[in-house]
């Protein structure tokens, strides 16, 4: 198990509980965990196992997009290989603000 740790010269910009939809899930249900945005990277740790589903340096993040479905806002984060990470939850607006603060641009 891993616990989120700031690296040397790294500053936490924001964090919050979110759901992450990923293809490796056996049940196809979103995991629940915490997303961390720092001045160096974006990470997502699952709550119950502390498994690291994403740990991307900002240099690997190409941008983000959003989509609203009923009352939920989804934030889609893309890496250099065009891999998409989908997040939803109450901090979705905050996540967009944190990404903008560290220089990640909105794609559409």
PDB file of N, CA and C in Angstrom:
ATOM      1  N   UNK A   1       0.831  -1.179   0.000  1.00  0.00           N
ATOM      2  CA  UNK A   1       0.000   0.000   0.000  1.00  0.00           C
ATOM      3  C   UNK A   1       0.874   1.240   0.000  1.00  0.00           C
ATOM      4  N   UNK A   2       0.416   2.231  -0.737  1.00  0.00           N
ATOM      5  CA  UNK A   2       1.149   3.491  -0.812  1.00  0.00           C
ATOM      6  C   UNK A   2       0.294   4.609  -0.240  1.00  0.00           C
ATOM      7  N   UNK A   3       0.932   5.520   0.434  1.00  0.00           N
ATOM      8  CA  UNK A   3       0.259   6.722   0.907  1.00  0.00           C
ATOM      9  C   UNK A   3       0.819   7.889   0.133  1.00  0.00           C
ATOM     10  N   UNK A   4      -0.032   8.832  -0.201  1.00  0.00           N
ATOM     11  CA  UNK A   4       0.424   9.986  -0.958  1.00  0.00           C
ATOM     12  C   UNK A   4       1.438  10.782  -0.141  1.00  0.00           C
ATOM     13  N   UNK A   5       2.549  11.065  -0.750  1.00  0.00           N
ATOM     14  CA  UNK A   5       3.607  11.846  -0.122  1.00  0.00           C
ATOM     15  C   UNK A   5       4.051  12.921  -1.100  1.00  0.00           C
ATOM     16  N   UNK A   6       4.219  14.137  -0.599  1.00  0.00           N
ATOM     17  CA  UNK A   6       4.777  15.193  -1.431  1.00  0.00           C
ATOM     18  C   UNK A   6       6.251  14.911  -1.663  1.00  0.00           C
ATOM     19  N   UNK A   7       6.713  15.167  -2.879  1.00  0.00           N
ATOM     20  CA  UNK A   7       8.118  15.018  -3.200  1.00  0.00           C
ATOM     21  C   UNK A   7       8.851  16.314  -2.861  1.00  0.00           C
ATOM     22  N   UNK A   8      10.155  16.281  -2.963  1.00  0.00           N
ATOM     23  CA  UNK A   8      10.956  17.460  -2.661  1.00  0.00           C
ATOM     24  C   UNK A   8      10.562  18.624  -3.579  1.00  0.00           C
ATOM     25  N   UNK A   9      10.408  19.801  -3.005  1.00  0.00           N
ATOM     26  CA  UNK A   9      10.017  21.028  -3.726  1.00  0.00           C
ATOM     27  C   UNK A   9       8.626  20.943  -4.360  1.00  0.00           C
ATOM     28  N   UNK A  10       7.768  20.068  -3.857  1.00  0.00           N
ATOM     29  CA  UNK A  10       6.416  19.907  -4.390  1.00  0.00           C
ATOM     30  C   UNK A  10       5.425  20.551  -3.438  1.00  0.00           C
ATOM     31  N   UNK A  11       4.433  21.244  -4.011  1.00  0.00           N
ATOM     32  CA  UNK A  11       3.408  21.925  -3.233  1.00  0.00           C
ATOM     33  C   UNK A  11       2.033  21.387  -3.631  1.00  0.00           C
ATOM     34  N   UNK A  12       1.206  21.065  -2.659  1.00  0.00           N
ATOM     35  CA  UNK A  12      -0.150  20.612  -2.922  1.00  0.00           C
ATOM     36  C   UNK A  12      -1.014  21.803  -3.305  1.00  0.00           C
ATOM     37  N   UNK A  13      -1.639  21.731  -4.474  1.00  0.00           N
ATOM     38  CA  UNK A  13      -2.537  22.780  -4.944  1.00  0.00           C
ATOM     39  C   UNK A  13      -3.961  22.483  -4.491  1.00  0.00           C
ATOM     40  N   UNK A  14      -4.357  21.204  -4.529  1.00  0.00           N
ATOM     41  CA  UNK A  14      -5.690  20.815  -4.077  1.00  0.00           C
ATOM     42  C   UNK A  14      -5.860  19.311  -4.070  1.00  0.00           C
ATOM     43  N   UNK A  15      -6.834  18.848  -3.285  1.00  0.00           N
ATOM     44  CA  UNK A  15      -7.153  17.426  -3.246  1.00  0.00           C
ATOM     45  C   UNK A  15      -8.615  17.267  -2.863  1.00  0.00           C
ATOM     46  N   UNK A  16      -9.208  16.160  -3.287  1.00  0.00           N
ATOM     47  CA  UNK A  16     -10.597  15.903  -2.946  1.00  0.00           C
ATOM     48  C   UNK A  16     -11.010  14.492  -3.293  1.00  0.00           C
ATOM     49  N   UNK A  17     -12.067  14.038  -2.644  1.00  0.00           N
ATOM     50  CA  UNK A  17     -12.619  12.707  -2.893  1.00  0.00           C
ATOM     51  C   UNK A  17     -13.389  12.723  -4.212  1.00  0.00           C
ATOM     52  N   UNK A  18     -13.069  11.780  -5.089  1.00  0.00           N
ATOM     53  CA  UNK A  18     -13.744  11.682  -6.377  1.00  0.00           C
ATOM     54  C   UNK A  18     -13.895  10.215  -6.758  1.00  0.00           C
ATOM     55  N   UNK A  19     -14.726   9.968  -7.742  1.00  0.00           N
ATOM     56  CA  UNK A  19     -14.866   8.631  -8.314  1.00  0.00           C
ATOM     57  C   UNK A  19     -14.064   8.599  -9.612  1.00  0.00           C
ATOM     58  N   UNK A  20     -13.439   7.464  -9.882  1.00  0.00           N
ATOM     59  CA  UNK A  20     -12.626   7.289 -11.085  1.00  0.00           C
ATOM     60  C   UNK A  20     -13.133   6.068 -11.834  1.00  0.00           C
ATOM     61  N   UNK A  21     -13.517   6.250 -13.079  1.00  0.00           N
ATOM     62  CA  UNK A  21     -13.989   5.143 -13.908  1.00  0.00           C
ATOM     63  C   UNK A  21     -12.809   4.630 -14.723  1.00  0.00           C
ATOM     64  N   UNK A  22     -12.516   3.344 -14.595  1.00  0.00           N
ATOM     65  CA  UNK A  22     -11.403   2.777 -15.343  1.00  0.00           C
ATOM     66  C   UNK A  22     -11.762   1.410 -15.879  1.00  0.00           C
ATOM     67  N   UNK A  23     -11.081   1.015 -16.927  1.00  0.00           N
ATOM     68  CA  UNK A  23     -11.409  -0.232 -17.617  1.00  0.00           C
ATOM     69  C   UNK A  23     -10.926  -1.481 -16.888  1.00  0.00           C
ATOM     70  N   UNK A  24      -9.943  -1.352 -16.009  1.00  0.00           N
ATOM     71  CA  UNK A  24      -9.412  -2.529 -15.319  1.00  0.00           C
ATOM     72  C   UNK A  24     -10.326  -3.026 -14.207  1.00  0.00           C
ATOM     73  N   UNK A  25     -11.334  -2.253 -13.860  1.00  0.00           N
ATOM     74  CA  UNK A  25     -12.224  -2.635 -12.772  1.00  0.00           C
ATOM     75  C   UNK A  25     -12.985  -3.910 -13.122  1.00  0.00           C
ATOM     76  N   UNK A  26     -12.937  -4.878 -12.250  1.00  0.00           N
ATOM     77  CA  UNK A  26     -13.631  -6.146 -12.465  1.00  0.00           C
ATOM     78  C   UNK A  26     -15.135  -5.919 -12.525  1.00  0.00           C
ATOM     79  N   UNK A  27     -15.647  -5.054 -11.676  1.00  0.00           N
ATOM     80  CA  UNK A  27     -17.084  -4.832 -11.602  1.00  0.00           C
ATOM     81  C   UNK A  27     -17.567  -3.745 -12.563  1.00  0.00           C
ATOM     82  N   UNK A  28     -16.633  -3.053 -13.218  1.00  0.00           N
ATOM     83  CA  UNK A  28     -16.948  -1.919 -14.100  1.00  0.00           C
ATOM     84  C   UNK A  28     -17.541  -0.738 -13.340  1.00  0.00           C
ATOM     85  N   UNK A  29     -17.488  -0.802 -12.021  1.00  0.00           N
ATOM     86  CA  UNK A  29     -17.962   0.303 -11.192  1.00  0.00           C
ATOM     87  C   UNK A  29     -16.797   1.257 -10.936  1.00  0.00           C
ATOM     88  N   UNK A  30     -17.095   2.539 -10.803  1.00  0.00           N
ATOM     89  CA  UNK A  30     -16.009   3.481 -10.498  1.00  0.00           C
ATOM     90  C   UNK A  30     -15.424   3.222  -9.113  1.00  0.00           C
ATOM     91  N   UNK A  31     -14.135   3.487  -8.985  1.00  0.00           N
ATOM     92  CA  UNK A  31     -13.504   3.404  -7.678  1.00  0.00           C
ATOM     93  C   UNK A  31     -13.714   4.732  -6.965  1.00  0.00           C
ATOM     94  N   UNK A  32     -13.601   4.711  -5.668  1.00  0.00           N
ATOM     95  CA  UNK A  32     -13.686   5.940  -4.894  1.00  0.00           C
ATOM     96  C   UNK A  32     -12.324   6.176  -4.261  1.00  0.00           C
ATOM     97  N   UNK A  33     -11.870   7.409  -4.387  1.00  0.00           N
ATOM     98  CA  UNK A  33     -10.552   7.712  -3.863  1.00  0.00           C
ATOM     99  C   UNK A  33     -10.309   9.202  -3.798  1.00  0.00           C
ATOM    100  N   UNK A  34      -9.052   9.561  -3.717  1.00  0.00           N
ATOM    101  CA  UNK A  34      -8.667  10.954  -3.589  1.00  0.00           C
ATOM    102  C   UNK A  34      -7.762  11.347  -4.745  1.00  0.00           C
ATOM    103  N   UNK A  35      -8.076  12.475  -5.350  1.00  0.00           N
ATOM    104  CA  UNK A  35      -7.224  13.034  -6.389  1.00  0.00           C
ATOM    105  C   UNK A  35      -6.394  14.139  -5.768  1.00  0.00           C
ATOM    106  N   UNK A  36      -5.122  14.183  -6.157  1.00  0.00           N
ATOM    107  CA  UNK A  36      -4.191  15.189  -5.664  1.00  0.00           C
ATOM    108  C   UNK A  36      -3.605  15.935  -6.855  1.00  0.00           C
ATOM    109  N   UNK A  37      -3.644  17.253  -6.800  1.00  0.00           N
ATOM    110  CA  UNK A  37      -3.007  18.075  -7.828  1.00  0.00           C
ATOM    111  C   UNK A  37      -1.914  18.879  -7.129  1.00  0.00           C
ATOM    112  N   UNK A  38      -0.691  18.741  -7.639  1.00  0.00           N
ATOM    113  CA  UNK A  38       0.432  19.486  -7.073  1.00  0.00           C
ATOM    114  C   UNK A  38       1.049  20.342  -8.181  1.00  0.00           C
ATOM    115  N   UNK A  39       2.053  21.088  -7.830  1.00  0.00           N
ATOM    116  CA  UNK A  39       2.738  21.900  -8.830  1.00  0.00           C
ATOM    117  C   UNK A  39       3.638  21.049  -9.737  1.00  0.00           C
ATOM    118  N   UNK A  40       3.686  19.725  -9.495  1.00  0.00           N
ATOM    119  CA  UNK A  40       4.519  18.830 -10.301  1.00  0.00           C
ATOM    120  C   UNK A  40       3.775  17.660 -10.943  1.00  0.00           C
ATOM    121  N   UNK A  41       2.630  17.257 -10.371  1.00  0.00           N
ATOM    122  CA  UNK A  41       1.958  16.052 -10.872  1.00  0.00           C
ATOM    123  C   UNK A  41       0.488  16.013 -10.466  1.00  0.00           C
ATOM    124  N   UNK A  42      -0.227  15.034 -11.055  1.00  0.00           N
ATOM    125  CA  UNK A  42      -1.619  14.749 -10.706  1.00  0.00           C
ATOM    126  C   UNK A  42      -1.680  13.263 -10.352  1.00  0.00           C
ATOM    127  N   UNK A  43      -2.239  12.945  -9.170  1.00  0.00           N
ATOM    128  CA  UNK A  43      -2.287  11.562  -8.681  1.00  0.00           C
ATOM    129  C   UNK A  43      -3.702  11.201  -8.252  1.00  0.00           C
ATOM    130  N   UNK A  44      -4.013   9.916  -8.343  1.00  0.00           N
ATOM    131  CA  UNK A  44      -5.288   9.412  -7.836  1.00  0.00           C
ATOM    132  C   UNK A  44      -5.018   8.119  -7.065  1.00  0.00           C
ATOM    133  N   UNK A  45      -5.444   8.088  -5.804  1.00  0.00           N
ATOM    134  CA  UNK A  45      -5.279   6.937  -4.923  1.00  0.00           C
ATOM    135  C   UNK A  45      -6.664   6.415  -4.533  1.00  0.00           C
ATOM    136  N   UNK A  46      -6.883   5.121  -4.712  1.00  0.00           N
ATOM    137  CA  UNK A  46      -8.144   4.498  -4.307  1.00  0.00           C
ATOM    138  C   UNK A  46      -8.224   4.494  -2.779  1.00  0.00           C
ATOM    139  N   UNK A  47      -9.404   4.755  -2.243  1.00  0.00           N
ATOM    140  CA  UNK A  47      -9.568   4.902  -0.795  1.00  0.00           C
ATOM    141  C   UNK A  47      -9.324   3.622  -0.001  1.00  0.00           C
ATOM    142  N   UNK A  48      -9.989   2.537  -0.342  1.00  0.00           N
ATOM    143  CA  UNK A  48      -9.943   1.359   0.527  1.00  0.00           C
ATOM    144  C   UNK A  48      -8.617   0.613   0.429  1.00  0.00           C
ATOM    145  N   UNK A  49      -7.956   0.634  -0.739  1.00  0.00           N
ATOM    146  CA  UNK A  49      -6.707  -0.120  -0.876  1.00  0.00           C
ATOM    147  C   UNK A  49      -5.483   0.781  -0.954  1.00  0.00           C
ATOM    148  N   UNK A  50      -5.713   2.069  -1.184  1.00  0.00           N
ATOM    149  CA  UNK A  50      -4.636   3.046  -1.388  1.00  0.00           C
ATOM    150  C   UNK A  50      -3.842   2.742  -2.650  1.00  0.00           C
ATOM    151  N   UNK A  51      -4.441   1.956  -3.576  1.00  0.00           N
ATOM    152  CA  UNK A  51      -3.804   1.640  -4.848  1.00  0.00           C
ATOM    153  C   UNK A  51      -3.666   2.921  -5.677  1.00  0.00           C
ATOM    154  N   UNK A  52      -2.527   3.090  -6.321  1.00  0.00           N
ATOM    155  CA  UNK A  52      -2.276   4.267  -7.150  1.00  0.00           C
ATOM    156  C   UNK A  52      -2.740   3.960  -8.571  1.00  0.00           C
ATOM    157  N   UNK A  53      -3.836   4.592  -8.993  1.00  0.00           N
ATOM    158  CA  UNK A  53      -4.344   4.402 -10.346  1.00  0.00           C
ATOM    159  C   UNK A  53      -3.728   5.379 -11.324  1.00  0.00           C
ATOM    160  N   UNK A  54      -3.240   6.499 -10.826  1.00  0.00           N
ATOM    161  CA  UNK A  54      -2.659   7.501 -11.708  1.00  0.00           C
ATOM    162  C   UNK A  54      -1.631   8.312 -10.926  1.00  0.00           C
ATOM    163  N   UNK A  55      -0.484   8.517 -11.535  1.00  0.00           N
ATOM    164  CA  UNK A  55       0.552   9.379 -10.978  1.00  0.00           C
ATOM    165  C   UNK A  55       1.277   9.991 -12.175  1.00  0.00           C
ATOM    166  N   UNK A  56       0.722  11.093 -12.689  1.00  0.00           N
ATOM    167  CA  UNK A  56       1.231  11.708 -13.913  1.00  0.00           C
ATOM    168  C   UNK A  56       1.993  12.989 -13.627  1.00  0.00           C
ATOM    169  N   UNK A  57       3.234  13.078 -14.106  1.00  0.00           N
ATOM    170  CA  UNK A  57       3.917  14.368 -14.054  1.00  0.00           C
ATOM    171  C   UNK A  57       3.165  15.354 -14.955  1.00  0.00           C
ATOM    172  N   UNK A  58       3.166  16.616 -14.599  1.00  0.00           N
ATOM    173  CA  UNK A  58       2.449  17.611 -15.400  1.00  0.00           C
ATOM    174  C   UNK A  58       2.943  17.648 -16.843  1.00  0.00           C
ATOM    175  N   UNK A  59       4.205  17.312 -17.057  1.00  0.00           N
ATOM    176  CA  UNK A  59       4.741  17.300 -18.422  1.00  0.00           C
ATOM    177  C   UNK A  59       4.092  16.225 -19.287  1.00  0.00           C
ATOM    178  N   UNK A  60       3.460  15.228 -18.666  1.00  0.00           N
ATOM    179  CA  UNK A  60       2.777  14.152 -19.395  1.00  0.00           C
ATOM    180  C   UNK A  60       1.295  14.458 -19.647  1.00  0.00           C
ATOM    181  N   UNK A  61       0.764  15.480 -18.998  1.00  0.00           N
ATOM    182  CA  UNK A  61      -0.664  15.819 -19.130  1.00  0.00           C
ATOM    183  C   UNK A  61      -0.827  16.789 -20.304  1.00  0.00           C
ATOM    184  N   UNK A  62      -1.665  16.393 -21.284  1.00  0.00           N
ATOM    185  CA  UNK A  62      -1.853  17.256 -22.455  1.00  0.00           C
ATOM    186  C   UNK A  62      -3.047  18.192 -22.307  1.00  0.00           C
ATOM    187  N   UNK A  63      -3.980  17.868 -21.414  1.00  0.00           N
ATOM    188  CA  UNK A  63      -5.133  18.730 -21.211  1.00  0.00           C
ATOM    189  C   UNK A  63      -6.277  17.993 -20.544  1.00  0.00           C
ATOM    190  N   UNK A  64      -7.374  18.726 -20.382  1.00  0.00           N
ATOM    191  CA  UNK A  64      -8.568  18.123 -19.788  1.00  0.00           C
ATOM    192  C   UNK A  64      -9.804  18.624 -20.525  1.00  0.00           C
ATOM    193  N   UNK A  65     -10.883  17.905 -20.357  1.00  0.00           N
ATOM    194  CA  UNK A  65     -12.173  18.286 -20.920  1.00  0.00           C
ATOM    195  C   UNK A  65     -13.248  17.956 -19.889  1.00  0.00           C
ATOM    196  N   UNK A  66     -14.427  18.491 -20.072  1.00  0.00           N
ATOM    197  CA  UNK A  66     -15.529  18.216 -19.143  1.00  0.00           C
ATOM    198  C   UNK A  66     -16.781  17.839 -19.916  1.00  0.00           C
ATOM    199  N   UNK A  67     -17.653  17.133 -19.240  1.00  0.00           N
ATOM    200  CA  UNK A  67     -18.957  16.769 -19.798  1.00  0.00           C
ATOM    201  C   UNK A  67     -19.937  16.705 -18.647  1.00  0.00           C
ATOM    202  N   UNK A  68     -21.103  17.272 -18.852  1.00  0.00           N
ATOM    203  CA  UNK A  68     -22.136  17.244 -17.821  1.00  0.00           C
ATOM    204  C   UNK A  68     -23.169  16.189 -18.196  1.00  0.00           C
ATOM    205  N   UNK A  69     -23.442  15.273 -17.273  1.00  0.00           N
ATOM    206  CA  UNK A  69     -24.447  14.226 -17.457  1.00  0.00           C
ATOM    207  C   UNK A  69     -25.425  14.347 -16.306  1.00  0.00           C
ATOM    208  N   UNK A  70     -26.646  14.741 -16.623  1.00  0.00           N
ATOM    209  CA  UNK A  70     -27.670  15.039 -15.628  1.00  0.00           C
ATOM    210  C   UNK A  70     -27.109  16.059 -14.632  1.00  0.00           C
ATOM    211  N   UNK A  71     -26.932  15.662 -13.379  1.00  0.00           N
ATOM    212  CA  UNK A  71     -26.448  16.606 -12.372  1.00  0.00           C
ATOM    213  C   UNK A  71     -24.964  16.429 -12.069  1.00  0.00           C
ATOM    214  N   UNK A  72     -24.312  15.506 -12.760  1.00  0.00           N
ATOM    215  CA  UNK A  72     -22.900  15.219 -12.481  1.00  0.00           C
ATOM    216  C   UNK A  72     -22.000  15.824 -13.553  1.00  0.00           C
ATOM    217  N   UNK A  73     -20.881  16.352 -13.128  1.00  0.00           N
ATOM    218  CA  UNK A  73     -19.864  16.841 -14.054  1.00  0.00           C
ATOM    219  C   UNK A  73     -18.706  15.850 -14.061  1.00  0.00           C
ATOM    220  N   UNK A  74     -18.310  15.431 -15.259  1.00  0.00           N
ATOM    221  CA  UNK A  74     -17.170  14.544 -15.427  1.00  0.00           C
ATOM    222  C   UNK A  74     -15.994  15.359 -15.944  1.00  0.00           C
ATOM    223  N   UNK A  75     -14.826  15.110 -15.378  1.00  0.00           N
ATOM    224  CA  UNK A  75     -13.586  15.733 -15.837  1.00  0.00           C
ATOM    225  C   UNK A  75     -12.751  14.625 -16.455  1.00  0.00           C
ATOM    226  N   UNK A  76     -12.360  14.821 -17.724  1.00  0.00           N
ATOM    227  CA  UNK A  76     -11.552  13.851 -18.448  1.00  0.00           C
ATOM    228  C   UNK A  76     -10.150  14.420 -18.602  1.00  0.00           C
ATOM    229  N   UNK A  77      -9.178  13.729 -18.054  1.00  0.00           N
ATOM    230  CA  UNK A  77      -7.784  14.154 -18.093  1.00  0.00           C
ATOM    231  C   UNK A  77      -7.060  13.281 -19.121  1.00  0.00           C
ATOM    232  N   UNK A  78      -6.294  13.908 -20.015  1.00  0.00           N
ATOM    233  CA  UNK A  78      -5.608  13.176 -21.086  1.00  0.00           C
ATOM    234  C   UNK A  78      -4.097  13.271 -20.924  1.00  0.00           C
ATOM    235  N   UNK A  79      -3.415  12.133 -21.181  1.00  0.00           N
ATOM    236  CA  UNK A  79      -1.960  12.143 -21.134  1.00  0.00           C
ATOM    237  C   UNK A  79      -1.390  12.175 -22.556  1.00  0.00           C
ATOM    238  N   UNK A  80      -0.067  12.156 -22.667  1.00  0.00           N
ATOM    239  CA  UNK A  80       0.611  12.237 -23.976  1.00  0.00           C
ATOM    240  C   UNK A  80       0.212  11.132 -24.936  1.00  0.00           C
ATOM    241  N   UNK A  81      -0.124   9.970 -24.401  1.00  0.00           N
ATOM    242  CA  UNK A  81      -0.516   8.832 -25.237  1.00  0.00           C
ATOM    243  C   UNK A  81      -2.008   8.828 -25.537  1.00  0.00           C
ATOM    244  N   UNK A  82      -2.670   9.933 -25.216  1.00  0.00           N
ATOM    245  CA  UNK A  82      -4.109  10.106 -25.408  1.00  0.00           C
ATOM    246  C   UNK A  82      -4.935   9.160 -24.534  1.00  0.00           C
ATOM    247  N   UNK A  83      -4.343   8.663 -23.451  1.00  0.00           N
ATOM    248  CA  UNK A  83      -5.092   7.871 -22.484  1.00  0.00           C
ATOM    249  C   UNK A  83      -5.974   8.823 -21.692  1.00  0.00           C
ATOM    250  N   UNK A  84      -7.202   8.401 -21.471  1.00  0.00           N
ATOM    251  CA  UNK A  84      -8.181   9.250 -20.793  1.00  0.00           C
ATOM    252  C   UNK A  84      -8.457   8.713 -19.391  1.00  0.00           C
ATOM    253  N   UNK A  85      -8.456   9.616 -18.426  1.00  0.00           N
ATOM    254  CA  UNK A  85      -8.798   9.308 -17.044  1.00  0.00           C
ATOM    255  C   UNK A  85     -10.068  10.081 -16.715  1.00  0.00           C
ATOM    256  N   UNK A  86     -11.137   9.380 -16.337  1.00  0.00           N
ATOM    257  CA  UNK A  86     -12.437  10.020 -16.088  1.00  0.00           C
ATOM    258  C   UNK A  86     -12.714  10.106 -14.590  1.00  0.00           C
ATOM    259  N   UNK A  87     -13.043  11.322 -14.136  1.00  0.00           N
ATOM    260  CA  UNK A  87     -13.329  11.571 -12.722  1.00  0.00           C
ATOM    261  C   UNK A  87     -14.661  12.290 -12.579  1.00  0.00           C
ATOM    262  N   UNK A  88     -15.372  11.987 -11.489  1.00  0.00           N
ATOM    263  CA  UNK A  88     -16.605  12.704 -11.177  1.00  0.00           C
ATOM    264  C   UNK A  88     -16.726  12.830  -9.665  1.00  0.00           C
ATOM    265  N   UNK A  89     -17.549  13.766  -9.259  1.00  0.00           N
ATOM    266  CA  UNK A  89     -17.759  13.990  -7.833  1.00  0.00           C
ATOM    267  C   UNK A  89     -17.944  15.468  -7.566  1.00  0.00           C
ATOM    268  N   UNK A  90     -18.252  15.777  -6.333  1.00  0.00           N
ATOM    269  CA  UNK A  90     -18.517  17.159  -5.961  1.00  0.00           C
ATOM    270  C   UNK A  90     -17.346  18.114  -6.214  1.00  0.00           C
ATOM    271  N   UNK A  91     -16.080  17.670  -6.067  1.00  0.00           N
ATOM    272  CA  UNK A  91     -14.972  18.602  -6.308  1.00  0.00           C
ATOM    273  C   UNK A  91     -14.636  18.801  -7.790  1.00  0.00           C
ATOM    274  N   UNK A  92     -15.532  18.423  -8.721  1.00  0.00           N
ATOM    275  CA  UNK A  92     -15.225  18.527 -10.155  1.00  0.00           C
ATOM    276  C   UNK A  92     -14.876  19.961 -10.559  1.00  0.00           C
ATOM    277  N   UNK A  93     -15.595  20.929 -10.060  1.00  0.00           N
ATOM    278  CA  UNK A  93     -15.286  22.325 -10.377  1.00  0.00           C
ATOM    279  C   UNK A  93     -13.934  22.711  -9.778  1.00  0.00           C
ATOM    280  N   UNK A  94     -13.682  22.283  -8.548  1.00  0.00           N
ATOM    281  CA  UNK A  94     -12.389  22.559  -7.914  1.00  0.00           C
ATOM    282  C   UNK A  94     -11.252  21.919  -8.708  1.00  0.00           C
ATOM    283  N   UNK A  95     -11.453  20.695  -9.181  1.00  0.00           N
ATOM    284  CA  UNK A  95     -10.428  20.010  -9.955  1.00  0.00           C
ATOM    285  C   UNK A  95     -10.070  20.820 -11.190  1.00  0.00           C
ATOM    286  N   UNK A  96     -11.070  21.357 -11.869  1.00  0.00           N
ATOM    287  CA  UNK A  96     -10.807  22.188 -13.041  1.00  0.00           C
ATOM    288  C   UNK A  96      -9.972  23.410 -12.661  1.00  0.00           C
ATOM    289  N   UNK A  97     -10.309  24.040 -11.550  1.00  0.00           N
ATOM    290  CA  UNK A  97      -9.552  25.209 -11.083  1.00  0.00           C
ATOM    291  C   UNK A  97      -8.112  24.836 -10.740  1.00  0.00           C
ATOM    292  N   UNK A  98      -7.928  23.702 -10.049  1.00  0.00           N
ATOM    293  CA  UNK A  98      -6.580  23.268  -9.685  1.00  0.00           C
ATOM    294  C   UNK A  98      -5.738  23.000 -10.923  1.00  0.00           C
ATOM    295  N   UNK A  99      -6.354  22.326 -11.929  1.00  0.00           N
ATOM    296  CA  UNK A  99      -5.628  22.028 -13.161  1.00  0.00           C
ATOM    297  C   UNK A  99      -5.216  23.313 -13.879  1.00  0.00           C
ATOM    298  N   UNK A 100      -6.122  24.282 -13.916  1.00  0.00           N
ATOM    299  CA  UNK A 100      -5.800  25.577 -14.543  1.00  0.00           C
ATOM    300  C   UNK A 100      -4.658  26.269 -13.801  1.00  0.00           C
ATOM    301  N   UNK A 101      -4.669  26.188 -12.476  1.00  0.00           N
ATOM    302  CA  UNK A 101      -3.615  26.827 -11.668  1.00  0.00           C
ATOM    303  C   UNK A 101      -2.226  26.284 -11.977  1.00  0.00           C
ATOM    304  N   UNK A 102      -2.146  25.000 -12.327  1.00  0.00           N
ATOM    305  CA  UNK A 102      -0.838  24.405 -12.599  1.00  0.00           C
ATOM    306  C   UNK A 102      -0.520  24.376 -14.101  1.00  0.00           C
ATOM    307  N   UNK A 103      -1.358  25.034 -14.909  1.00  0.00           N
ATOM    308  CA  UNK A 103      -1.054  25.192 -16.322  1.00  0.00           C
ATOM    309  C   UNK A 103      -1.615  24.140 -17.245  1.00  0.00           C
ATOM    310  N   UNK A 104      -2.519  23.288 -16.773  1.00  0.00           N
ATOM    311  CA  UNK A 104      -3.157  22.303 -17.654  1.00  0.00           C
ATOM    312  C   UNK A 104      -4.332  23.004 -18.330  1.00  0.00           C
ATOM    313  N   UNK A 105      -4.365  22.936 -19.653  1.00  0.00           N
ATOM    314  CA  UNK A 105      -5.388  23.688 -20.397  1.00  0.00           C
ATOM    315  C   UNK A 105      -6.607  22.836 -20.724  1.00  0.00           C
ATOM    316  N   UNK A 106      -7.733  23.507 -20.853  1.00  0.00           N
ATOM    317  CA  UNK A 106      -8.970  22.845 -21.264  1.00  0.00           C
ATOM    318  C   UNK A 106      -8.907  22.654 -22.775  1.00  0.00           C
ATOM    319  N   UNK A 107      -9.280  21.482 -23.250  1.00  0.00           N
ATOM    320  CA  UNK A 107      -9.102  21.134 -24.656  1.00  0.00           C
ATOM    321  C   UNK A 107     -10.180  21.663 -25.602  1.00  0.00           C
ATOM    322  N   UNK A 108     -11.395  21.815 -25.171  1.00  0.00           N
ATOM    323  CA  UNK A 108     -12.419  22.227 -26.144  1.00  0.00           C
ATOM    324  C   UNK A 108     -12.831  23.662 -26.041  1.00  0.00           C
TER     325      UNK A 108
END
